[in-house]
Every structure is written in structure tokens, then in C-alpha cells.
Amino acid sequence: MKRTERSEIMAEDTTQKRVVIIGGHGKIALLAAPKLVAAGWQVTSVVRNPGHISEVEQTGATAELLDVEKASTEEIAQIFAGAEAVVFSAGAGGGNPARTKAVDYEAAVRTMDAAESAGVKRYVMVSYVRSQVDVHTLDQSSSFYPYAEAKHRADQHLRGTSLDYTILGPGKLTLEPASGKILVTDAEAAAATTSQGGNEATETSRENVAEVIAHVLNTGAGHRETVNFFDGTTPIAEAIS
């Protein structure tokens, strides 16, 4: 959809809060969008591939075509204008350290700057459970280190902004359906669990991540907090207040 058309729709319906999802074709984003739509949000999902527009719009979201890896802060801010919240759920997918830095750190920072410029206060970052500690413990020659460093630096930058942020740190992502129940942990405990336990103790359903995104946006929970979590036994509304 063209930006002018999106602006016309926004002008017609000012009762809905709008959220912009960066990385709109990602598995978590595709699960989160319909949950947010069902909760009354107007969802704009940003994608860089025109071939993904149809699938994204089947979730009830409006697709916005933009490559955040290359887009300027000003271009991103134009999309954020009038939005209530931003969700960053993009990623380079690993394998290329330069692109990992460009997307997971540099583009992420530009979206934070754009949110502040556009007057958007709420910002939800999808990170990972050990982002606070891996950068200090991993061998820098590890193939995972560029990702760990990029996410760590992005999260640290976000903590230094004026944004009303929530940083979400799920464990090893799975395709299991949402249980609606999680175990909140801290980064050090998560790292210890990961090194000692099997998958069962360290996994997080992508759909549970989507449920958590919807919960923190709908309720304002997790204000300026980092929430690390695995699948667990505590209802999300009780675990994150």
C-alpha cells in the first residue's frame, strides 16, 4: 500500500492505536500481527520484499515496503508518524557479520532514533535471553559472536533512550503453539540453565513471544524493563506486570 493511501486510512479512523512492526514477515511478527489486530490495534508491518506483502496482509496488517537496512532515520520516521508503538522483530538471520551489524545493531538504532523523532514513546525490542551476558563470555572468534554483540549493543542503546521500552529475551525459539505460560528469568540464570540443561528448560515458543508482545502493548506492562523468559507454568499476565 502506498504511503498516501495509508495516511488517508489513518485520517478516516483515528480511534485505533497504531503499531509499526519492523521485520513484518518474520515468524514472530506474523504471529503477533493478528493478535494485535484482534485487540484493536491498527498494525503496519514493514517488509523489504514485495513478494511478502500478500502473506503479511493476510494477518490483518497493512504492509509497508521499506528496507530498514538501507533506509535513513528520516524515512523510517515517516512511517512511524502517528503511531503509538514500535516493535522491532527484524534480523539479518546470521551468517554474515557485516549484515548482522547493519541490521541487528545499526538499523535497530535508527528505528529508535526515528521513534524519538516521530514522537513515538512505546518501543518493544525482540532480543534473546542471553544478550546481556554472551558478549562478555563468548570467544570473539565464535560465529555467534557478531550476533551477540549486535543485539547487546542495540539493547544497551535502547536503555539509554527516552523511550518507554520493553526488551524481550526469549530462549531457543520453537514452532510450538502458545501455552500462554512462561518462566521469567534473568540473563545470568538463563546462561547457567542453557549450559547445564536440555532443550526443555531453555525453549520459548514463537507464539508465546507473540503473546507477550501483545500483552505488554495492551497493558503497558514491562515499562523500561528487560524481560527474559522461557516457556513455563506462570500465565503471562501474572509473570509480567
Protein backbone atom coordinates (compact mmCIF):
# COMPACT_ATOMS: atom_id res chain seq x y z
CA MET A 1 0.00 0.00 0.00
CA LYS A 2 1.29 3.47 -0.89
CA ARG A 3 2.11 5.87 1.93
CA THR A 4 -0.52 8.38 0.77
CA GLU A 5 -3.19 5.67 0.88
CA ARG A 6 -2.09 4.66 4.38
CA SER A 7 -2.29 8.29 5.51
CA GLU A 8 -5.84 8.55 4.16
CA ILE A 9 -6.89 5.45 6.09
CA MET A 10 -5.34 6.87 9.27
CA ALA A 11 -7.23 10.12 8.74
CA GLU A 12 -10.50 8.23 8.40
CA ASP A 13 -10.02 6.17 11.58
CA THR A 14 -8.36 7.97 14.46
CA THR A 15 -9.88 5.75 17.15
CA GLN A 16 -7.42 2.89 16.68
CA LYS A 17 -3.94 2.95 18.11
CA ARG A 18 -1.34 2.11 15.51
CA VAL A 19 1.72 -0.10 15.97
CA VAL A 20 4.52 -0.50 13.46
CA ILE A 21 6.28 -3.88 13.31
CA ILE A 22 9.78 -3.87 11.84
CA GLY A 23 10.51 -7.26 10.28
CA GLY A 24 6.88 -7.84 9.44
CA HIS A 25 7.42 -11.10 7.54
CA GLY A 26 9.32 -12.80 10.35
CA LYS A 27 7.74 -15.78 12.07
CA ILE A 28 7.14 -13.90 15.34
CA ALA A 29 5.74 -10.85 13.55
CA LEU A 30 3.32 -12.96 11.51
CA LEU A 31 2.03 -14.47 14.75
CA ALA A 32 1.89 -11.16 16.63
CA ALA A 33 0.09 -9.11 13.97
CA PRO A 34 -3.29 -10.91 14.09
CA LYS A 35 -3.23 -10.90 17.90
CA LEU A 36 -2.73 -7.14 17.88
CA VAL A 37 -5.40 -6.64 15.22
CA ALA A 38 -7.82 -8.70 17.33
CA ALA A 39 -7.01 -6.47 20.30
CA GLY A 40 -7.99 -3.37 18.33
CA TRP A 41 -4.63 -2.17 17.05
CA GLN A 42 -4.06 -0.86 13.55
CA VAL A 43 -0.93 -2.77 12.51
CA THR A 44 1.62 -1.62 9.95
CA SER A 45 4.11 -4.37 9.13
CA VAL A 46 7.32 -3.24 7.42
CA VAL A 47 8.81 -5.63 4.86
CA ARG A 48 11.60 -5.29 2.30
CA ASN A 49 10.43 -7.94 -0.17
CA PRO A 50 7.36 -7.12 -2.31
CA GLY A 51 6.70 -10.84 -2.54
CA HIS A 52 5.86 -10.90 1.17
CA ILE A 53 3.13 -8.25 1.06
CA SER A 54 0.24 -10.65 0.42
CA GLU A 55 1.15 -13.01 3.28
CA VAL A 56 1.62 -10.10 5.68
CA GLU A 57 -1.72 -8.54 4.77
CA GLN A 58 -3.48 -11.87 5.37
CA THR A 59 -2.75 -11.26 9.07
CA GLY A 60 -4.91 -8.13 9.00
CA ALA A 61 -1.90 -5.81 8.94
CA THR A 62 -1.09 -3.18 6.35
CA ALA A 63 2.21 -3.91 4.63
CA GLU A 64 4.71 -1.08 4.19
CA LEU A 65 7.60 -1.65 1.80
CA LEU A 66 10.93 -0.41 3.19
CA ASP A 67 14.40 -1.91 3.54
CA VAL A 68 15.42 -0.80 7.04
CA GLU A 69 18.99 -1.93 6.39
CA LYS A 70 19.30 0.89 3.85
CA ALA A 71 16.60 3.35 4.97
CA SER A 72 17.53 6.62 6.65
CA THR A 73 16.27 7.68 10.05
CA GLU A 74 14.06 10.25 8.33
CA GLU A 75 12.48 7.64 6.03
CA ILE A 76 11.74 5.39 8.99
CA ALA A 77 10.32 8.30 10.99
CA GLN A 78 7.82 8.99 8.18
CA ILE A 79 6.37 5.51 8.66
CA PHE A 80 6.33 5.94 12.44
CA ALA A 81 4.44 9.25 12.29
CA GLY A 82 1.19 8.98 14.23
CA ALA A 83 1.98 5.54 15.66
CA GLU A 84 1.58 4.66 19.31
CA ALA A 85 4.22 1.94 19.39
CA VAL A 86 7.02 0.21 17.51
CA VAL A 87 8.02 -3.45 17.64
CA PHE A 88 11.49 -4.36 16.35
CA SER A 89 11.43 -8.00 15.29
CA ALA A 90 13.84 -7.86 12.35
CA GLY A 91 17.13 -9.70 11.99
CA ALA A 92 19.78 -10.47 9.43
CA GLY A 93 19.47 -14.19 10.10
CA GLY A 94 23.15 -14.74 10.94
CA GLY A 95 25.94 -15.99 8.72
CA ASN A 96 27.16 -12.59 7.54
CA PRO A 97 28.81 -10.50 10.29
CA ALA A 98 28.68 -7.26 8.30
CA ARG A 99 24.98 -7.61 7.55
CA THR A 100 24.27 -8.71 11.12
CA LYS A 101 25.81 -5.47 12.36
CA ALA A 102 23.95 -3.47 9.70
CA VAL A 103 20.52 -4.86 10.60
CA ASP A 104 20.59 -6.04 14.21
CA TYR A 105 22.53 -3.04 15.51
CA GLU A 106 22.73 -0.11 13.10
CA ALA A 107 19.23 -0.35 11.64
CA ALA A 108 17.82 -1.06 15.08
CA VAL A 109 19.40 2.13 16.42
CA ARG A 110 17.98 4.13 13.51
CA THR A 111 14.50 2.87 14.37
CA MET A 112 14.99 4.04 17.96
CA ASP A 113 16.15 7.45 16.78
CA ALA A 114 13.23 7.56 14.33
CA ALA A 115 10.75 6.70 17.09
CA GLU A 116 12.04 9.54 19.24
CA SER A 117 11.96 11.90 16.26
CA ALA A 118 8.40 10.92 15.37
CA GLY A 119 7.16 11.25 18.95
CA VAL A 120 6.52 7.52 19.44
CA LYS A 121 7.12 6.57 23.06
CA ARG A 122 6.43 2.81 23.25
CA TYR A 123 9.12 0.53 21.82
CA VAL A 124 9.31 -3.26 22.11
CA MET A 125 12.57 -4.96 21.16
CA VAL A 126 12.67 -8.68 20.43
CA SER A 127 16.14 -9.71 21.61
CA TYR A 128 17.26 -13.02 23.09
CA VAL A 129 17.65 -14.38 26.57
CA ARG A 130 21.44 -14.13 26.97
CA SER A 131 22.06 -10.83 25.19
CA GLN A 132 23.31 -9.17 28.38
CA VAL A 133 25.98 -11.78 29.11
CA ASP A 134 27.10 -13.57 25.93
CA VAL A 135 29.18 -10.66 24.73
CA HIS A 136 31.30 -11.00 27.87
CA THR A 137 31.69 -14.78 27.81
CA LEU A 138 31.83 -15.85 24.16
CA ASP A 139 35.07 -16.25 22.27
CA GLN A 140 35.17 -13.40 19.75
CA SER A 141 36.11 -15.92 17.05
CA SER A 142 32.78 -17.70 17.58
CA SER A 143 30.42 -17.49 14.60
CA PHE A 144 27.68 -16.44 17.05
CA TYR A 145 29.66 -13.52 18.48
CA PRO A 146 28.70 -10.90 15.82
CA TYR A 147 25.02 -11.53 16.54
CA ALA A 148 25.54 -11.47 20.31
CA GLU A 149 27.48 -8.22 20.04
CA ALA A 150 24.94 -6.56 17.73
CA LYS A 151 21.97 -7.45 19.95
CA HIS A 152 23.84 -6.47 23.11
CA ARG A 153 24.79 -3.07 21.70
CA ALA A 154 21.28 -2.43 20.35
CA ASP A 155 19.71 -3.30 23.69
CA GLN A 156 22.19 -1.09 25.54
CA HIS A 157 21.45 1.81 23.21
CA LEU A 158 17.72 1.37 23.79
CA ARG A 159 18.20 1.51 27.55
CA GLY A 160 19.86 4.89 27.13
CA THR A 161 16.98 6.43 25.17
CA SER A 162 13.93 8.26 26.49
CA LEU A 163 11.65 5.59 25.01
CA ASP A 164 9.20 3.58 27.07
CA TYR A 165 10.87 0.34 26.10
CA THR A 166 10.44 -3.33 26.86
CA ILE A 167 13.25 -5.67 25.80
CA LEU A 168 12.06 -9.24 25.36
CA GLY A 169 14.59 -12.04 25.71
CA PRO A 170 13.15 -15.40 24.69
CA GLY A 171 15.13 -18.61 24.72
CA LYS A 172 15.67 -21.05 21.85
CA LEU A 173 12.72 -20.39 19.56
CA THR A 174 10.34 -23.17 18.58
CA LEU A 175 7.25 -23.53 16.42
CA GLU A 176 5.15 -24.97 19.23
CA PRO A 177 1.72 -23.38 19.78
CA ALA A 178 1.41 -20.81 22.53
CA SER A 179 0.80 -22.14 26.01
CA GLY A 180 0.25 -18.64 27.34
CA LYS A 181 2.55 -19.55 30.22
CA ILE A 182 6.19 -18.60 30.75
CA LEU A 183 9.08 -18.63 33.20
CA VAL A 184 10.72 -15.24 33.70
CA THR A 185 14.44 -15.45 34.41
CA ASP A 186 17.49 -13.20 34.47
CA ALA A 187 20.32 -13.30 31.96
CA GLU A 188 22.85 -14.95 34.30
CA ALA A 189 20.42 -17.65 35.38
CA ALA A 190 19.42 -18.19 31.76
CA ALA A 191 23.03 -18.64 30.74
CA ALA A 192 23.57 -21.14 33.54
CA THR A 193 20.42 -23.06 32.62
CA THR A 194 21.45 -23.15 28.98
CA SER A 195 24.85 -24.57 29.80
CA GLN A 196 23.51 -27.19 32.22
CA GLY A 197 20.11 -28.25 30.95
CA GLY A 198 18.49 -29.72 27.88
CA ASN A 199 16.22 -28.03 25.38
CA GLU A 200 13.12 -28.39 27.52
CA ALA A 201 14.46 -25.91 30.07
CA THR A 202 15.58 -23.30 27.55
CA GLU A 203 12.99 -23.18 24.77
CA THR A 204 10.44 -20.46 24.04
CA SER A 205 7.56 -20.86 21.63
CA ARG A 206 7.50 -18.12 18.99
CA GLU A 207 3.77 -17.85 19.55
CA ASN A 208 4.39 -17.29 23.27
CA VAL A 209 6.70 -14.42 22.24
CA ALA A 210 3.85 -13.04 20.12
CA GLU A 211 1.50 -13.37 23.10
CA VAL A 212 3.99 -11.46 25.26
CA ILE A 213 4.29 -8.70 22.66
CA ALA A 214 0.51 -8.31 22.63
CA HIS A 215 0.39 -8.37 26.43
CA VAL A 216 2.98 -5.65 27.02
CA LEU A 217 1.46 -3.41 24.33
CA ASN A 218 -2.12 -3.91 25.52
CA THR A 219 -1.36 -3.37 29.19
CA GLY A 220 1.79 -1.23 29.38
CA ALA A 221 3.49 -3.99 31.36
CA GLY A 222 7.28 -4.27 31.33
CA HIS A 223 7.83 -0.49 31.43
CA ARG A 224 11.54 0.18 30.80
CA GLU A 225 12.34 -3.42 31.69
CA THR A 226 14.25 -6.34 30.19
CA VAL A 227 12.10 -9.47 30.38
CA ASN A 228 13.97 -12.74 29.77
CA PHE A 229 11.76 -15.80 29.61
CA PHE A 230 11.35 -19.43 28.66
CA ASP A 231 8.16 -21.44 28.25
CA GLY A 232 6.94 -22.16 31.75
CA THR A 233 3.96 -22.56 34.03
CA THR A 234 3.02 -18.99 35.01
CA PRO A 235 0.33 -17.19 32.99
CA ILE A 236 1.87 -14.32 31.02
CA ALA A 237 -0.34 -11.70 32.73
CA GLU A 238 0.95 -12.84 36.12
CA ALA A 239 4.56 -13.21 35.05
CA ILE A 240 4.86 -9.72 33.50
CA SER A 241 3.06 -6.88 35.22
